[in-house]
Full PDB file with SEQRES, HELIX, SHEET, SSBOND, CRYST1, ORIGX, SCALE, CONECT and MASTER records, all heavy atoms in Angstrom:
SEQRES   1 A   33  VAL VAL LYS GLY SER ILE GLY ALA MET SER ALA PHE MET          
SEQRES   2 A   33  ALA GLN SER GLY ASN LEU VAL VAL LEU GLY ASP ALA GLY          
SEQRES   3 A   33  ASP ALA LEU GLY ASN SER ILE                                  
CRYST1    1.000    1.000    1.000  90.00  90.00  90.00 P 1           1          
ORIGX1      1.000000  0.000000  0.000000        0.00000                         
ORIGX2      0.000000  1.000000  0.000000        0.00000                         
ORIGX3      0.000000  0.000000  1.000000        0.00000                         
SCALE1      1.000000  0.000000  0.000000        0.00000                         
SCALE2      0.000000  1.000000  0.000000        0.00000                         
SCALE3      0.000000  0.000000  1.000000        0.00000                         
ATOM      1  N   VAL A   1      -5.920   7.944  -3.626  1.00  0.00           N  
ATOM      2  CA  VAL A   1      -6.659   8.950  -2.903  1.00  0.00           C  
ATOM      3  C   VAL A   1      -7.812   9.455  -3.820  1.00  0.00           C  
ATOM      4  O   VAL A   1      -7.546   9.970  -4.949  1.00  0.00           O  
ATOM      5  CB  VAL A   1      -5.725  10.130  -2.519  1.00  0.00           C  
ATOM      6  CG1 VAL A   1      -6.581  11.208  -1.755  1.00  0.00           C  
ATOM      7  CG2 VAL A   1      -4.576   9.682  -1.647  1.00  0.00           C  
ATOM      8  N   VAL A   2      -9.016   9.318  -3.337  1.00  0.00           N  
ATOM      9  CA  VAL A   2     -10.232   9.757  -4.041  1.00  0.00           C  
ATOM     10  C   VAL A   2     -10.813  10.891  -3.286  1.00  0.00           C  
ATOM     11  O   VAL A   2     -11.294  10.727  -2.114  1.00  0.00           O  
ATOM     12  CB  VAL A   2     -11.217   8.603  -4.310  1.00  0.00           C  
ATOM     13  CG1 VAL A   2     -12.425   9.154  -5.049  1.00  0.00           C  
ATOM     14  CG2 VAL A   2     -10.617   7.421  -5.032  1.00  0.00           C  
ATOM     15  N   LYS A   3     -10.890  12.111  -3.894  1.00  0.00           N  
ATOM     16  CA  LYS A   3     -11.423  13.231  -3.144  1.00  0.00           C  
ATOM     17  C   LYS A   3     -12.946  13.263  -3.119  1.00  0.00           C  
ATOM     18  O   LYS A   3     -13.533  13.978  -2.303  1.00  0.00           O  
ATOM     19  CB  LYS A   3     -10.879  14.486  -3.773  1.00  0.00           C  
ATOM     20  CG  LYS A   3      -9.261  14.591  -3.682  1.00  0.00           C  
ATOM     21  CD  LYS A   3      -8.803  15.877  -4.354  1.00  0.00           C  
ATOM     22  CE  LYS A   3      -7.223  15.858  -4.306  1.00  0.00           C  
ATOM     23  NZ  LYS A   3      -6.685  17.014  -4.898  1.00  0.00           N  
ATOM     24  N   GLY A   4     -13.528  12.544  -3.965  1.00  0.00           N  
ATOM     25  CA  GLY A   4     -14.996  12.323  -3.916  1.00  0.00           C  
ATOM     26  C   GLY A   4     -15.423  11.062  -3.335  1.00  0.00           C  
ATOM     27  O   GLY A   4     -14.838  10.639  -2.260  1.00  0.00           O  
ATOM     28  N   SER A   5     -16.381  10.391  -3.929  1.00  0.00           N  
ATOM     29  CA  SER A   5     -16.937   9.113  -3.363  1.00  0.00           C  
ATOM     30  C   SER A   5     -16.555   7.985  -4.307  1.00  0.00           C  
ATOM     31  O   SER A   5     -16.165   8.155  -5.449  1.00  0.00           O  
ATOM     32  CB  SER A   5     -18.448   9.166  -3.223  1.00  0.00           C  
ATOM     33  OG  SER A   5     -18.802  10.204  -2.309  1.00  0.00           O  
ATOM     34  N   ILE A   6     -16.729   6.686  -3.827  1.00  0.00           N  
ATOM     35  CA  ILE A   6     -16.388   5.555  -4.611  1.00  0.00           C  
ATOM     36  C   ILE A   6     -17.627   4.612  -4.673  1.00  0.00           C  
ATOM     37  O   ILE A   6     -18.480   4.641  -3.749  1.00  0.00           O  
ATOM     38  CB  ILE A   6     -15.216   4.806  -4.013  1.00  0.00           C  
ATOM     39  CG1 ILE A   6     -15.487   4.327  -2.611  1.00  0.00           C  
ATOM     40  CG2 ILE A   6     -13.930   5.577  -4.205  1.00  0.00           C  
ATOM     41  CD1 ILE A   6     -14.382   3.488  -2.023  1.00  0.00           C  
ATOM     42  N   GLY A   7     -17.680   3.806  -5.638  1.00  0.00           N  
ATOM     43  CA  GLY A   7     -18.838   2.912  -5.819  1.00  0.00           C  
ATOM     44  C   GLY A   7     -18.771   1.632  -5.165  1.00  0.00           C  
ATOM     45  O   GLY A   7     -17.894   1.335  -4.354  1.00  0.00           O  
ATOM     46  N   ALA A   8     -19.609   0.684  -5.522  1.00  0.00           N  
ATOM     47  CA  ALA A   8     -19.763  -0.595  -4.856  1.00  0.00           C  
ATOM     48  C   ALA A   8     -18.556  -1.515  -5.173  1.00  0.00           C  
ATOM     49  O   ALA A   8     -17.832  -1.345  -6.159  1.00  0.00           O  
ATOM     50  CB  ALA A   8     -21.028  -1.323  -5.330  1.00  0.00           C  
ATOM     51  N   MET A   9     -18.259  -2.464  -4.239  1.00  0.00           N  
ATOM     52  CA  MET A   9     -17.229  -3.500  -4.415  1.00  0.00           C  
ATOM     53  C   MET A   9     -15.840  -2.868  -4.574  1.00  0.00           C  
ATOM     54  O   MET A   9     -14.965  -3.487  -5.214  1.00  0.00           O  
ATOM     55  CB  MET A   9     -17.600  -4.368  -5.678  1.00  0.00           C  
ATOM     56  CG  MET A   9     -18.761  -5.247  -5.422  1.00  0.00           C  
ATOM     57  SD  MET A   9     -18.617  -6.547  -4.144  1.00  0.00           S  
ATOM     58  CE  MET A   9     -17.370  -7.584  -4.903  1.00  0.00           C  
ATOM     59  N   SER A  10     -15.632  -1.688  -4.084  1.00  0.00           N  
ATOM     60  CA  SER A  10     -14.329  -1.165  -4.075  1.00  0.00           C  
ATOM     61  C   SER A  10     -13.382  -1.917  -3.105  1.00  0.00           C  
ATOM     62  O   SER A  10     -13.774  -2.413  -2.084  1.00  0.00           O  
ATOM     63  CB  SER A  10     -14.271   0.257  -3.783  1.00  0.00           C  
ATOM     64  OG  SER A  10     -14.965   1.069  -4.741  1.00  0.00           O  
ATOM     65  N   ALA A  11     -12.099  -2.031  -3.501  1.00  0.00           N  
ATOM     66  CA  ALA A  11     -11.033  -2.673  -2.714  1.00  0.00           C  
ATOM     67  C   ALA A  11     -11.476  -4.193  -2.540  1.00  0.00           C  
ATOM     68  O   ALA A  11     -10.996  -4.805  -1.562  1.00  0.00           O  
ATOM     69  CB  ALA A  11     -10.859  -2.083  -1.331  1.00  0.00           C  
ATOM     70  N   PHE A  12     -12.138  -4.788  -3.488  1.00  0.00           N  
ATOM     71  CA  PHE A  12     -12.458  -6.201  -3.496  1.00  0.00           C  
ATOM     72  C   PHE A  12     -11.112  -6.989  -3.582  1.00  0.00           C  
ATOM     73  O   PHE A  12     -10.317  -6.697  -4.551  1.00  0.00           O  
ATOM     74  CB  PHE A  12     -13.404  -6.566  -4.654  1.00  0.00           C  
ATOM     75  CG  PHE A  12     -13.608  -8.048  -4.901  1.00  0.00           C  
ATOM     76  CD1 PHE A  12     -14.164  -8.782  -3.861  1.00  0.00           C  
ATOM     77  CD2 PHE A  12     -13.244  -8.594  -6.087  1.00  0.00           C  
ATOM     78  CE1 PHE A  12     -14.291 -10.160  -4.088  1.00  0.00           C  
ATOM     79  CE2 PHE A  12     -13.374 -10.024  -6.277  1.00  0.00           C  
ATOM     80  CZ  PHE A  12     -13.966 -10.740  -5.269  1.00  0.00           C  
ATOM     81  N   MET A  13     -10.897  -7.836  -2.699  1.00  0.00           N  
ATOM     82  CA  MET A  13      -9.636  -8.643  -2.705  1.00  0.00           C  
ATOM     83  C   MET A  13      -8.378  -7.786  -2.686  1.00  0.00           C  
ATOM     84  O   MET A  13      -7.291  -8.175  -3.232  1.00  0.00           O  
ATOM     85  CB  MET A  13      -9.594  -9.627  -3.880  1.00  0.00           C  
ATOM     86  CG  MET A  13     -10.662 -10.684  -3.748  1.00  0.00           C  
ATOM     87  SD  MET A  13     -10.560 -11.999  -4.993  1.00  0.00           S  
ATOM     88  CE  MET A  13      -9.043 -12.855  -4.479  1.00  0.00           C  
ATOM     89  N   ALA A  14      -8.459  -6.556  -2.085  1.00  0.00           N  
ATOM     90  CA  ALA A  14      -7.288  -5.758  -2.004  1.00  0.00           C  
ATOM     91  C   ALA A  14      -6.296  -6.388  -1.116  1.00  0.00           C  
ATOM     92  O   ALA A  14      -6.517  -6.699   0.044  1.00  0.00           O  
ATOM     93  CB  ALA A  14      -7.727  -4.352  -1.409  1.00  0.00           C  
ATOM     94  N   GLN A  15      -4.978  -6.478  -1.590  1.00  0.00           N  
ATOM     95  CA  GLN A  15      -4.016  -7.235  -0.903  1.00  0.00           C  
ATOM     96  C   GLN A  15      -3.133  -6.331  -0.095  1.00  0.00           C  
ATOM     97  O   GLN A  15      -2.772  -6.683   1.021  1.00  0.00           O  
ATOM     98  CB  GLN A  15      -3.188  -8.047  -1.977  1.00  0.00           C  
ATOM     99  CG  GLN A  15      -3.970  -9.067  -2.692  1.00  0.00           C  
ATOM    100  CD  GLN A  15      -3.299  -9.778  -3.790  1.00  0.00           C  
ATOM    101  OE1 GLN A  15      -2.098  -9.963  -3.701  1.00  0.00           O  
ATOM    102  NE2 GLN A  15      -3.999 -10.109  -4.818  1.00  0.00           N  
ATOM    103  N   SER A  16      -2.659  -5.177  -0.598  1.00  0.00           N  
ATOM    104  CA  SER A  16      -1.792  -4.241   0.210  1.00  0.00           C  
ATOM    105  C   SER A  16      -1.929  -2.871  -0.392  1.00  0.00           C  
ATOM    106  O   SER A  16      -2.413  -2.762  -1.592  1.00  0.00           O  
ATOM    107  CB  SER A  16      -0.354  -4.715   0.228  1.00  0.00           C  
ATOM    108  OG  SER A  16       0.202  -4.738  -1.080  1.00  0.00           O  
ATOM    109  N   GLY A  17      -1.429  -1.894   0.330  1.00  0.00           N  
ATOM    110  CA  GLY A  17      -1.528  -0.539  -0.149  1.00  0.00           C  
ATOM    111  C   GLY A  17      -2.618   0.224   0.649  1.00  0.00           C  
ATOM    112  O   GLY A  17      -3.111  -0.307   1.651  1.00  0.00           O  
ATOM    113  N   ASN A  18      -2.958   1.396   0.213  1.00  0.00           N  
ATOM    114  CA  ASN A  18      -3.865   2.305   0.908  1.00  0.00           C  
ATOM    115  C   ASN A  18      -4.924   2.871  -0.051  1.00  0.00           C  
ATOM    116  O   ASN A  18      -4.562   3.337  -1.174  1.00  0.00           O  
ATOM    117  CB  ASN A  18      -3.167   3.448   1.613  1.00  0.00           C  
ATOM    118  CG  ASN A  18      -2.126   2.964   2.621  1.00  0.00           C  
ATOM    119  OD1 ASN A  18      -2.449   2.611   3.718  1.00  0.00           O  
ATOM    120  ND2 ASN A  18      -0.810   3.002   2.167  1.00  0.00           N  
ATOM    121  N   LEU A  19      -6.157   2.846   0.429  1.00  0.00           N  
ATOM    122  CA  LEU A  19      -7.215   3.544  -0.344  1.00  0.00           C  
ATOM    123  C   LEU A  19      -7.849   4.588   0.595  1.00  0.00           C  
ATOM    124  O   LEU A  19      -8.309   4.244   1.705  1.00  0.00           O  
ATOM    125  CB  LEU A  19      -8.257   2.555  -0.742  1.00  0.00           C  
ATOM    126  CG  LEU A  19      -9.570   3.133  -1.400  1.00  0.00           C  
ATOM    127  CD1 LEU A  19      -9.302   3.981  -2.608  1.00  0.00           C  
ATOM    128  CD2 LEU A  19     -10.549   2.015  -1.659  1.00  0.00           C  
ATOM    129  N   VAL A  20      -7.716   5.872   0.190  1.00  0.00           N  
ATOM    130  CA  VAL A  20      -8.261   6.987   1.029  1.00  0.00           C  
ATOM    131  C   VAL A  20      -9.386   7.603   0.243  1.00  0.00           C  
ATOM    132  O   VAL A  20      -9.296   7.965  -0.936  1.00  0.00           O  
ATOM    133  CB  VAL A  20      -7.188   8.049   1.239  1.00  0.00           C  
ATOM    134  CG1 VAL A  20      -7.700   9.218   2.085  1.00  0.00           C  
ATOM    135  CG2 VAL A  20      -5.967   7.418   1.912  1.00  0.00           C  
ATOM    136  N   VAL A  21     -10.549   7.764   0.914  1.00  0.00           N  
ATOM    137  CA  VAL A  21     -11.735   8.262   0.322  1.00  0.00           C  
ATOM    138  C   VAL A  21     -12.287   9.427   1.203  1.00  0.00           C  
ATOM    139  O   VAL A  21     -12.615   9.244   2.325  1.00  0.00           O  
ATOM    140  CB  VAL A  21     -12.828   7.169   0.135  1.00  0.00           C  
ATOM    141  CG1 VAL A  21     -14.036   7.743  -0.560  1.00  0.00           C  
ATOM    142  CG2 VAL A  21     -12.268   6.008  -0.589  1.00  0.00           C  
ATOM    143  N   LEU A  22     -12.356  10.640   0.628  1.00  0.00           N  
ATOM    144  CA  LEU A  22     -12.849  11.734   1.366  1.00  0.00           C  
ATOM    145  C   LEU A  22     -14.379  11.788   1.373  1.00  0.00           C  
ATOM    146  O   LEU A  22     -14.984  12.380   2.315  1.00  0.00           O  
ATOM    147  CB  LEU A  22     -12.318  13.043   0.727  1.00  0.00           C  
ATOM    148  CG  LEU A  22     -10.917  13.513   1.260  1.00  0.00           C  
ATOM    149  CD1 LEU A  22      -9.859  12.567   0.789  1.00  0.00           C  
ATOM    150  CD2 LEU A  22     -10.664  14.939   0.863  1.00  0.00           C  
ATOM    151  N   GLY A  23     -15.032  11.150   0.463  1.00  0.00           N  
ATOM    152  CA  GLY A  23     -16.458  11.103   0.413  1.00  0.00           C  
ATOM    153  C   GLY A  23     -17.019   9.822   0.975  1.00  0.00           C  
ATOM    154  O   GLY A  23     -16.479   9.309   1.931  1.00  0.00           O  
ATOM    155  N   ASP A  24     -18.030   9.238   0.325  1.00  0.00           N  
ATOM    156  CA  ASP A  24     -18.682   8.028   0.786  1.00  0.00           C  
ATOM    157  C   ASP A  24     -18.177   6.821   0.032  1.00  0.00           C  
ATOM    158  O   ASP A  24     -17.600   6.936  -1.060  1.00  0.00           O  
ATOM    159  CB  ASP A  24     -20.180   8.167   0.666  1.00  0.00           C  
ATOM    160  CG  ASP A  24     -20.720   9.361   1.396  1.00  0.00           C  
ATOM    161  OD1 ASP A  24     -20.259   9.659   2.453  1.00  0.00           O  
ATOM    162  OD2 ASP A  24     -21.701   9.994   0.906  1.00  0.00           O  
ATOM    163  N   ALA A  25     -18.545   5.659   0.518  1.00  0.00           N  
ATOM    164  CA  ALA A  25     -18.200   4.356  -0.137  1.00  0.00           C  
ATOM    165  C   ALA A  25     -19.541   3.566  -0.295  1.00  0.00           C  
ATOM    166  O   ALA A  25     -20.345   3.550   0.568  1.00  0.00           O  
ATOM    167  CB  ALA A  25     -17.183   3.587   0.689  1.00  0.00           C  
ATOM    168  N   GLY A  26     -19.588   2.849  -1.488  1.00  0.00           N  
ATOM    169  CA  GLY A  26     -20.759   2.092  -1.815  1.00  0.00           C  
ATOM    170  C   GLY A  26     -20.768   0.732  -1.041  1.00  0.00           C  
ATOM    171  O   GLY A  26     -20.070   0.489  -0.111  1.00  0.00           O  
ATOM    172  N   ASP A  27     -21.691  -0.169  -1.594  1.00  0.00           N  
ATOM    173  CA  ASP A  27     -21.859  -1.451  -0.983  1.00  0.00           C  
ATOM    174  C   ASP A  27     -20.593  -2.287  -0.995  1.00  0.00           C  
ATOM    175  O   ASP A  27     -19.762  -2.164  -1.915  1.00  0.00           O  
ATOM    176  CB  ASP A  27     -22.962  -2.180  -1.732  1.00  0.00           C  
ATOM    177  CG  ASP A  27     -24.336  -1.848  -1.262  1.00  0.00           C  
ATOM    178  OD1 ASP A  27     -24.578  -1.745  -0.037  1.00  0.00           O  
ATOM    179  OD2 ASP A  27     -25.272  -1.683  -2.082  1.00  0.00           O  
ATOM    180  N   ALA A  28     -20.484  -3.202  -0.056  1.00  0.00           N  
ATOM    181  CA  ALA A  28     -19.449  -4.269   0.006  1.00  0.00           C  
ATOM    182  C   ALA A  28     -18.033  -3.745  -0.057  1.00  0.00           C  
ATOM    183  O   ALA A  28     -17.201  -4.342  -0.775  1.00  0.00           O  
ATOM    184  CB  ALA A  28     -19.757  -5.312  -1.120  1.00  0.00           C  
ATOM    185  N   LEU A  29     -17.802  -2.663   0.626  1.00  0.00           N  
ATOM    186  CA  LEU A  29     -16.405  -2.168   0.686  1.00  0.00           C  
ATOM    187  C   LEU A  29     -15.448  -3.244   1.228  1.00  0.00           C  
ATOM    188  O   LEU A  29     -15.718  -3.854   2.252  1.00  0.00           O  
ATOM    189  CB  LEU A  29     -16.350  -0.907   1.546  1.00  0.00           C  
ATOM    190  CG  LEU A  29     -14.941  -0.319   1.777  1.00  0.00           C  
ATOM    191  CD1 LEU A  29     -14.368   0.252   0.474  1.00  0.00           C  
ATOM    192  CD2 LEU A  29     -15.008   0.720   2.875  1.00  0.00           C  
ATOM    193  N   GLY A  30     -14.294  -3.445   0.537  1.00  0.00           N  
ATOM    194  CA  GLY A  30     -13.290  -4.327   1.077  1.00  0.00           C  
ATOM    195  C   GLY A  30     -13.717  -5.812   1.124  1.00  0.00           C  
ATOM    196  O   GLY A  30     -13.196  -6.573   1.973  1.00  0.00           O  
ATOM    197  N   ASN A  31     -14.583  -6.201   0.229  1.00  0.00           N  
ATOM    198  CA  ASN A  31     -15.038  -7.559   0.259  1.00  0.00           C  
ATOM    199  C   ASN A  31     -13.801  -8.559   0.055  1.00  0.00           C  
ATOM    200  O   ASN A  31     -13.039  -8.407  -0.871  1.00  0.00           O  
ATOM    201  CB  ASN A  31     -16.078  -7.863  -0.861  1.00  0.00           C  
ATOM    202  CG  ASN A  31     -16.716  -9.184  -0.696  1.00  0.00           C  
ATOM    203  OD1 ASN A  31     -17.461  -9.504   0.289  1.00  0.00           O  
ATOM    204  ND2 ASN A  31     -16.517 -10.064  -1.683  1.00  0.00           N  
ATOM    205  N   SER A  32     -13.611  -9.495   0.935  1.00  0.00           N  
ATOM    206  CA  SER A  32     -12.505 -10.527   0.856  1.00  0.00           C  
ATOM    207  C   SER A  32     -11.193  -9.817   0.921  1.00  0.00           C  
ATOM    208  O   SER A  32     -10.273 -10.233   0.203  1.00  0.00           O  
ATOM    209  CB  SER A  32     -12.654 -11.398  -0.378  1.00  0.00           C  
ATOM    210  OG  SER A  32     -13.951 -12.042  -0.321  1.00  0.00           O  
ATOM    211  N   ILE A  33     -11.063  -8.747   1.691  1.00  0.00           N  
ATOM    212  CA  ILE A  33      -9.795  -8.020   1.729  1.00  0.00           C  
ATOM    213  C   ILE A  33      -8.701  -8.763   2.381  1.00  0.00           C  
ATOM    214  O   ILE A  33      -8.952  -9.674   3.270  1.00  0.00           O  
ATOM    215  CB  ILE A  33     -10.055  -6.629   2.484  1.00  0.00           C  
ATOM    216  CG1 ILE A  33      -8.866  -5.681   2.321  1.00  0.00           C  
ATOM    217  CG2 ILE A  33     -10.412  -6.885   3.889  1.00  0.00           C  
ATOM    218  CD1 ILE A  33      -9.166  -4.325   2.876  1.00  0.00           C  
TER     219      ILE A  33                                                      
MASTER        0    0    0    0    0    0    0    6  218    1    0    3          
END                                                                             
């Protein structure tokens, strides 16, 4: 859980689990998820 924002390529090849972002997300979120 990120209460701010996240940068580029976050959750790249993410296999399982949860990512919660209260702010914004950068480029290529979830690439090859």
